[in-house]
Amino acid sequence: MQALLAPGSPVRRGLVTGLGGVGKTALALRAAHTSRYHFPDGQLYVDLTDEHGTARDPREVLVRLLGALGEETAAGDGTYGAGRSPAVALRPRLDELVRRYRARTAGRRLLVVLDNVSDTEQLAALLPDGEEPAVLVIGHPHLAAAIGPHTTVVEPLGDDDGLTLLAAAVGVGRVAENLAAARQIVAYCGGVPLALRTAGARLAARPHWSPALLAGRLAAPADRLRELRFGGLDMPRSLCSWLRLTGVAEDDLRRCAALGERSFSAATAAAVLDLPVVLAEDLLERLADASLMDPTEPSGGTNGVPRYRLHRLVLCYARSLPVRIPVDTALPVAS
C-alpha cells in the first residue's frame, strides 16, 4: 500500500477489504498517516454510511468534501440560504456537485479515503479526476471493478500477533502470567482485532477479572458475541454493518450455520442446504467474496476441489440470526 501511495506510482487507487472488525479502516488510516508527506495539498476522509449503517446520499458527501476543500457554498448561488447548513439545505444536482468536486481536486496532490463504500454507483461520484489525487477505498471486493487491480485483503491476526494486541490492552505482565487463558481468548476471538480490543478493554476495566474468567465466558459459542460488546466497541454491530454493506442476505448466512466450523466442499454444502451443487458453490463464493467464508486449501485426494470454512465469529453470528417463518406457515388458518 505504501508503494501505491508513493509519488510516481502509475495508478494511485487501491481497495481495502476484509471481514467486519478486521481492521480495514485502521490499516488505511495508518497508511495515510505514514504517507502524509506525499500529499502536501491535504488528506480527506469520509464515512459513506451513517451511524445506522445506511448509505449516505452522495450529494451530502460531496457537499462536505467541497467544504473541506475550501468551497464555502457548494451551490455557489445561494441555494443553501443564509445560516443554513449545506448538509441539510436543498442541494444542487449530483452532476453539478461532481463537476465542482473534480475541478477542485484536479491537479492537486491529495489523498482521499472513502470508507464503507456500498456500491460502484456511489463510488463513481466520489472519484477525483487526474493522476495526482490518490484514493483508498474501503469496502466489498466487487468495487475492484471500479478501482483497478490493487486490492489489499486484511486477514485476521495470527496467534502471536493476537497475543501482542491483547497484551497492548491488558498489559504484558498480565498476559504472561495467564498465557494459556490469553491464548484461549485469542482463539475464541478468531484473531479479529475488534474482538480482541473488546476483550482487552473488558479485562483492563475490570482488574478483578482474570483472563481465565473471561476465557470461560467466551467459551460458549451462543454467548460469545454478547461478551464482545463493551463501551463503544461492538463486534456484533460490526458484523451486522458489514453484512448490510456487502449485500449478503441474512437467510443465506443463517442457513450456512448448519455447516459448522469444519471445512467442507460445495457438494457437502449442497447436501446440507438441499441445493444443486452449482447453486451451493455460488452461495459459498458470494460469502467468500465478502470475507464471511474462508476458502481453505484442498485436502489430499480431492483433485483440487476447493473447500470452505465459516470464520468462527461469523458462525456465532449466523447462529444468532432469527429463523424467518412464512406467515401462512407460522399462523393457524382462521376458521
Protein backbone atom coordinates (compact mmCIF):
# COMPACT_ATOMS: atom_id res chain seq x y z
CA MET A 1 0.00 0.00 0.00
CA GLN A 2 2.91 2.35 0.68
CA ALA A 3 4.20 1.81 -2.85
CA LEU A 4 0.74 2.58 -4.21
CA LEU A 5 0.68 5.95 -2.42
CA ALA A 6 4.27 6.90 -3.27
CA PRO A 7 4.93 9.62 -5.84
CA GLY A 8 5.42 8.24 -9.32
CA SER A 9 3.06 5.31 -8.85
CA PRO A 10 1.27 4.87 -12.20
CA VAL A 11 -2.06 4.02 -10.52
CA ARG A 12 -2.83 5.65 -7.20
CA ARG A 13 -6.10 3.94 -6.41
CA GLY A 14 -6.43 1.00 -4.04
CA LEU A 15 -9.14 -1.10 -2.42
CA VAL A 16 -9.01 -2.37 1.17
CA THR A 17 -11.39 -5.19 2.04
CA GLY A 18 -11.89 -7.87 4.68
CA LEU A 19 -14.25 -9.12 7.39
CA GLY A 20 -16.03 -6.59 9.61
CA GLY A 21 -13.85 -5.69 12.60
CA VAL A 22 -10.65 -6.97 11.00
CA GLY A 23 -9.01 -3.53 10.86
CA LYS A 24 -9.59 -2.24 7.32
CA THR A 25 -10.11 1.37 8.35
CA ALA A 26 -7.23 1.30 10.82
CA LEU A 27 -4.87 -0.02 8.14
CA ALA A 28 -5.97 2.56 5.57
CA LEU A 29 -5.65 5.44 8.03
CA ARG A 30 -2.23 4.25 9.16
CA ALA A 31 -1.09 4.12 5.54
CA ALA A 32 -2.50 7.62 5.03
CA HIS A 33 -0.63 8.91 8.08
CA THR A 34 2.73 7.41 7.12
CA SER A 35 2.31 8.77 3.57
CA ARG A 36 1.18 12.25 4.59
CA TYR A 37 4.30 13.98 3.25
CA HIS A 38 3.42 12.76 -0.24
CA PHE A 39 0.21 14.81 -0.12
CA PRO A 40 1.03 18.45 0.61
CA ASP A 41 -2.44 19.56 -0.54
CA GLY A 42 -4.11 17.54 2.20
CA GLN A 43 -5.94 14.34 3.05
CA LEU A 44 -9.70 13.80 3.15
CA TYR A 45 -11.59 11.06 4.97
CA VAL A 46 -15.31 10.37 4.70
CA ASP A 47 -17.50 7.54 6.02
CA LEU A 48 -20.17 6.78 3.44
CA THR A 49 -22.59 5.19 5.92
CA ASP A 50 -24.36 6.82 8.85
CA GLU A 51 -24.47 5.54 12.41
CA HIS A 52 -27.24 3.11 11.46
CA GLY A 53 -25.27 1.61 8.57
CA THR A 54 -27.39 3.33 5.91
CA ALA A 55 -25.58 4.60 2.81
CA ARG A 56 -25.23 8.39 2.74
CA ASP A 57 -26.55 10.43 -0.16
CA PRO A 58 -23.56 11.15 -2.48
CA ARG A 59 -24.72 14.77 -2.71
CA GLU A 60 -24.37 15.21 1.05
CA VAL A 61 -20.91 13.64 0.94
CA LEU A 62 -19.82 15.86 -1.93
CA VAL A 63 -21.03 18.97 -0.11
CA ARG A 64 -18.88 18.02 2.87
CA LEU A 65 -15.87 17.25 0.70
CA LEU A 66 -16.21 20.54 -1.15
CA GLY A 67 -16.42 22.36 2.15
CA ALA A 68 -13.20 20.68 3.29
CA LEU A 69 -11.59 21.76 0.02
CA GLY A 70 -12.45 25.38 0.70
CA GLU A 71 -15.66 25.88 -1.23
CA GLU A 72 -17.86 27.72 1.25
CA THR A 73 -21.14 27.02 -0.56
CA ALA A 74 -21.09 24.12 -2.95
CA ALA A 75 -24.02 25.55 -4.87
CA GLY A 76 -22.20 28.86 -5.30
CA ASP A 77 -25.51 30.65 -5.93
CA GLY A 78 -27.15 30.94 -2.53
CA THR A 79 -29.01 27.66 -2.88
CA TYR A 80 -28.50 26.83 0.80
CA GLY A 81 -29.73 30.15 2.12
CA ALA A 82 -28.25 32.33 4.83
CA GLY A 83 -27.39 30.50 8.02
CA ARG A 84 -28.41 27.09 6.67
CA SER A 85 -26.18 24.05 6.87
CA PRO A 86 -25.11 22.73 3.45
CA ALA A 87 -25.70 19.20 4.72
CA VAL A 88 -29.40 19.79 5.36
CA ALA A 89 -30.30 22.51 2.89
CA LEU A 90 -31.55 21.98 -0.64
CA ARG A 91 -28.63 20.62 -2.63
CA PRO A 92 -27.86 21.19 -6.31
CA ARG A 93 -27.92 18.35 -8.80
CA LEU A 94 -25.47 15.48 -8.36
CA ASP A 95 -23.78 16.07 -11.72
CA GLU A 96 -23.11 19.70 -10.78
CA LEU A 97 -21.55 18.68 -7.47
CA VAL A 98 -19.42 16.05 -9.20
CA ARG A 99 -18.20 18.65 -11.70
CA ARG A 100 -17.24 21.07 -8.92
CA TYR A 101 -15.54 18.33 -6.90
CA ARG A 102 -13.45 17.13 -9.83
CA ALA A 103 -12.49 20.68 -10.72
CA ARG A 104 -11.38 21.26 -7.11
CA THR A 105 -9.31 18.07 -6.93
CA ALA A 106 -7.77 18.13 -10.42
CA GLY A 107 -4.00 18.56 -10.34
CA ARG A 108 -3.82 18.56 -6.54
CA ARG A 109 -1.68 16.18 -4.53
CA LEU A 110 -4.47 14.92 -2.31
CA LEU A 111 -5.30 11.61 -0.66
CA VAL A 112 -8.99 10.75 -0.41
CA VAL A 113 -10.04 7.88 1.88
CA LEU A 114 -13.58 6.62 1.21
CA ASP A 115 -14.79 4.30 3.96
CA ASN A 116 -17.75 1.90 3.87
CA VAL A 117 -18.46 2.34 0.18
CA SER A 118 -21.67 0.50 -0.67
CA ASP A 119 -21.61 0.20 -4.47
CA THR A 120 -19.94 1.37 -7.66
CA GLU A 121 -22.59 4.00 -8.33
CA GLN A 122 -21.90 5.70 -5.01
CA LEU A 123 -18.17 5.39 -5.60
CA ALA A 124 -18.19 6.79 -9.14
CA ALA A 125 -19.40 10.19 -7.95
CA LEU A 126 -16.56 10.47 -5.42
CA LEU A 127 -13.53 9.53 -7.50
CA PRO A 128 -11.41 12.60 -8.37
CA ASP A 129 -10.02 13.18 -11.84
CA GLY A 130 -6.39 13.07 -12.88
CA GLU A 131 -3.26 11.21 -11.80
CA GLU A 132 -2.23 13.45 -8.88
CA PRO A 133 -5.00 12.65 -6.36
CA ALA A 134 -4.77 9.23 -4.72
CA VAL A 135 -7.74 7.26 -3.45
CA LEU A 136 -8.10 4.49 -0.88
CA VAL A 137 -11.48 2.77 -0.92
CA ILE A 138 -12.70 0.55 1.92
CA GLY A 139 -15.48 -1.87 1.02
CA HIS A 140 -16.60 -5.02 -0.78
CA PRO A 141 -14.24 -6.76 -3.23
CA HIS A 142 -16.62 -6.14 -6.15
CA LEU A 143 -15.53 -2.50 -6.04
CA ALA A 144 -12.27 -3.63 -7.65
CA ALA A 145 -14.11 -3.30 -10.97
CA ALA A 146 -14.08 0.48 -10.49
CA ILE A 147 -10.76 0.79 -8.67
CA GLY A 148 -8.39 -1.47 -10.55
CA PRO A 149 -6.09 -4.33 -9.64
CA HIS A 150 -4.64 -3.01 -6.37
CA THR A 151 -6.65 -4.81 -3.69
CA THR A 152 -5.49 -5.41 -0.11
CA VAL A 153 -7.38 -8.13 1.75
CA VAL A 154 -6.96 -7.67 5.50
CA GLU A 155 -6.79 -11.05 7.22
CA PRO A 156 -7.37 -11.89 10.91
CA LEU A 157 -4.27 -11.89 13.08
CA GLY A 158 -2.21 -14.97 13.77
CA ASP A 159 -1.84 -16.28 17.32
CA ASP A 160 1.33 -14.35 18.19
CA ASP A 161 0.09 -11.05 16.78
CA GLY A 162 -3.22 -11.60 18.53
CA LEU A 163 -1.42 -12.04 21.85
CA THR A 164 0.55 -8.85 21.20
CA LEU A 165 -2.64 -6.88 20.58
CA LEU A 166 -4.30 -8.32 23.69
CA ALA A 167 -1.22 -7.51 25.76
CA ALA A 168 -1.29 -3.91 24.49
CA ALA A 169 -4.72 -3.51 26.06
CA VAL A 170 -4.28 -5.63 29.19
CA GLY A 171 -0.58 -5.39 29.95
CA VAL A 172 2.29 -7.67 29.05
CA GLY A 173 2.71 -8.97 32.60
CA ARG A 174 -0.92 -9.92 32.98
CA VAL A 175 -0.88 -11.86 29.71
CA ALA A 176 2.43 -13.56 30.53
CA GLU A 177 1.10 -14.69 33.92
CA ASN A 178 -2.04 -16.13 32.31
CA LEU A 179 -0.66 -17.25 28.97
CA ALA A 180 -2.88 -20.31 28.48
CA ALA A 181 -6.06 -18.32 29.13
CA ALA A 182 -4.82 -15.47 26.93
CA ARG A 183 -4.26 -17.91 24.07
CA GLN A 184 -7.81 -19.18 24.54
CA ILE A 185 -9.14 -15.62 24.29
CA VAL A 186 -7.23 -15.06 21.05
CA ALA A 187 -8.62 -18.32 19.65
CA TYR A 188 -12.19 -17.51 20.66
CA CYS A 189 -11.87 -14.07 19.04
CA GLY A 190 -10.67 -15.67 15.81
CA GLY A 191 -7.80 -13.20 15.53
CA VAL A 192 -10.22 -10.33 14.75
CA PRO A 193 -8.68 -7.11 16.12
CA LEU A 194 -12.01 -5.53 17.14
CA ALA A 195 -12.95 -8.63 19.12
CA LEU A 196 -9.52 -8.70 20.78
CA ARG A 197 -9.66 -5.00 21.61
CA THR A 198 -13.09 -5.51 23.16
CA ALA A 199 -11.88 -8.45 25.23
CA GLY A 200 -8.81 -6.49 26.28
CA ALA A 201 -10.87 -3.44 27.23
CA ARG A 202 -13.11 -5.57 29.45
CA LEU A 203 -10.11 -7.02 31.26
CA ALA A 204 -8.41 -3.63 31.58
CA ALA A 205 -11.55 -2.07 33.05
CA ARG A 206 -12.02 -4.96 35.48
CA PRO A 207 -8.70 -5.75 37.13
CA HIS A 208 -10.51 -8.17 39.47
CA TRP A 209 -11.28 -10.35 36.43
CA SER A 210 -8.71 -12.97 35.49
CA PRO A 211 -8.10 -13.81 31.82
CA ALA A 212 -9.29 -17.32 32.69
CA LEU A 213 -12.65 -15.93 33.81
CA LEU A 214 -13.14 -14.07 30.52
CA ALA A 215 -11.98 -17.09 28.52
CA GLY A 216 -14.60 -19.16 30.30
CA ARG A 217 -17.30 -16.63 29.42
CA LEU A 218 -16.21 -16.68 25.78
CA ALA A 219 -16.11 -20.47 25.58
CA ALA A 220 -19.81 -20.95 24.86
CA PRO A 221 -20.44 -20.04 21.18
CA ALA A 222 -24.02 -18.97 21.97
CA ASP A 223 -22.74 -16.33 24.44
CA ARG A 224 -19.56 -15.26 22.68
CA LEU A 225 -20.81 -12.27 20.70
CA ARG A 226 -22.69 -10.93 23.71
CA GLU A 227 -19.37 -10.90 25.59
CA LEU A 228 -17.72 -8.94 22.78
CA ARG A 229 -19.56 -5.69 23.49
CA PHE A 230 -18.03 -3.07 25.73
CA GLY A 231 -18.40 0.71 25.68
CA GLY A 232 -18.26 1.84 22.08
CA LEU A 233 -16.73 -1.46 20.93
CA ASP A 234 -19.30 -3.82 19.47
CA MET A 235 -18.32 -6.87 17.43
CA PRO A 236 -21.90 -7.98 16.62
CA ARG A 237 -22.74 -4.50 15.33
CA SER A 238 -19.63 -4.52 13.14
CA LEU A 239 -20.63 -7.87 11.62
CA CYS A 240 -24.18 -6.65 11.04
CA SER A 241 -22.92 -3.48 9.31
CA TRP A 242 -20.54 -5.46 7.11
CA LEU A 243 -23.30 -7.89 6.15
CA ARG A 244 -25.51 -4.97 5.12
CA LEU A 245 -22.69 -3.32 3.20
CA THR A 246 -21.86 -6.46 1.23
CA GLY A 247 -25.49 -7.20 0.39
CA VAL A 248 -25.36 -10.77 1.72
CA ALA A 249 -28.82 -11.97 2.75
CA GLU A 250 -29.17 -12.91 6.41
CA ASP A 251 -31.14 -16.01 5.44
CA ASP A 252 -28.25 -17.26 3.28
CA LEU A 253 -25.79 -16.83 6.13
CA ARG A 254 -28.14 -18.39 8.68
CA ARG A 255 -28.63 -21.48 6.50
CA CYS A 256 -24.87 -21.96 6.30
CA ALA A 257 -24.65 -22.14 10.10
CA ALA A 258 -25.73 -25.78 9.76
CA LEU A 259 -22.33 -26.50 8.19
CA GLY A 260 -20.49 -25.82 11.46
CA GLU A 261 -16.80 -24.98 11.95
CA ARG A 262 -15.23 -27.75 9.91
CA SER A 263 -14.12 -27.22 6.33
CA PHE A 264 -16.46 -28.58 3.67
CA SER A 265 -16.85 -28.81 -0.08
CA ALA A 266 -19.62 -27.33 -2.22
CA ALA A 267 -21.02 -30.86 -2.62
CA THR A 268 -21.31 -31.23 1.16
CA ALA A 269 -22.93 -27.81 1.43
CA ALA A 270 -25.37 -28.73 -1.33
CA ALA A 271 -26.45 -31.85 0.55
CA VAL A 272 -26.88 -30.00 3.86
CA LEU A 273 -28.65 -26.99 2.32
CA ASP A 274 -30.71 -29.06 -0.14
CA LEU A 275 -29.42 -27.12 -3.15
CA PRO A 276 -27.96 -28.11 -6.51
CA VAL A 277 -24.16 -28.16 -6.26
CA VAL A 278 -23.70 -25.24 -8.64
CA LEU A 279 -26.06 -23.04 -6.59
CA ALA A 280 -24.35 -24.07 -3.35
CA GLU A 281 -20.99 -23.21 -4.87
CA ASP A 282 -22.29 -19.80 -5.99
CA LEU A 283 -23.56 -19.12 -2.45
CA LEU A 284 -20.26 -20.13 -0.86
CA GLU A 285 -18.30 -17.96 -3.29
CA ARG A 286 -20.54 -14.95 -2.53
CA LEU A 287 -19.83 -15.43 1.15
CA ALA A 288 -16.11 -15.86 0.44
CA ASP A 289 -16.11 -12.66 -1.64
CA ALA A 290 -17.49 -10.86 1.42
CA SER A 291 -14.80 -12.44 3.69
CA LEU A 292 -17.53 -14.24 5.63
CA MET A 293 -16.32 -17.63 4.41
CA ASP A 294 -12.67 -18.68 4.25
CA PRO A 295 -11.63 -20.76 1.23
CA THR A 296 -9.19 -23.39 2.51
CA GLU A 297 -6.57 -25.47 0.79
CA PRO A 298 -7.99 -28.65 -0.73
CA SER A 299 -7.17 -31.67 1.40
CA GLY A 300 -5.28 -34.57 -0.09
CA GLY A 301 -7.04 -36.61 -2.71
CA THR A 302 -9.75 -34.02 -3.55
CA ASN A 303 -8.42 -33.34 -7.06
CA GLY A 304 -8.21 -29.62 -6.41
CA VAL A 305 -11.84 -29.20 -5.33
CA PRO A 306 -11.99 -26.06 -3.13
CA ARG A 307 -13.13 -26.30 0.46
CA TYR A 308 -14.62 -23.62 2.66
CA ARG A 309 -14.93 -22.77 6.34
CA LEU A 310 -17.01 -20.18 8.19
CA HIS A 311 -14.98 -17.86 10.42
CA ARG A 312 -15.84 -18.81 13.99
CA LEU A 313 -17.28 -15.38 14.88
CA VAL A 314 -19.29 -15.35 11.66
CA LEU A 315 -20.63 -18.78 12.63
CA CYS A 316 -21.68 -17.41 16.04
CA TYR A 317 -23.40 -14.50 14.33
CA ALA A 318 -25.11 -16.77 11.79
CA ARG A 319 -26.47 -18.96 14.57
CA SER A 320 -27.85 -15.89 16.34
CA LEU A 321 -29.95 -14.79 13.35
CA PRO A 322 -33.69 -15.37 13.70
CA VAL A 323 -35.42 -18.05 11.66
CA ARG A 324 -37.94 -16.41 9.35
CA ILE A 325 -41.13 -18.44 9.04
CA PRO A 326 -43.70 -17.52 6.38
CA VAL A 327 -46.91 -16.08 7.83
CA ASP A 328 -49.07 -18.80 6.29
CA THR A 329 -46.83 -21.38 7.99
CA ALA A 330 -46.48 -19.64 11.34
CA LEU A 331 -50.14 -18.78 11.90
CA PRO A 332 -53.10 -21.13 12.00
CA VAL A 333 -55.76 -20.69 9.37
CA ALA A 334 -58.71 -18.72 10.73
CA SER A 335 -61.88 -20.74 10.90
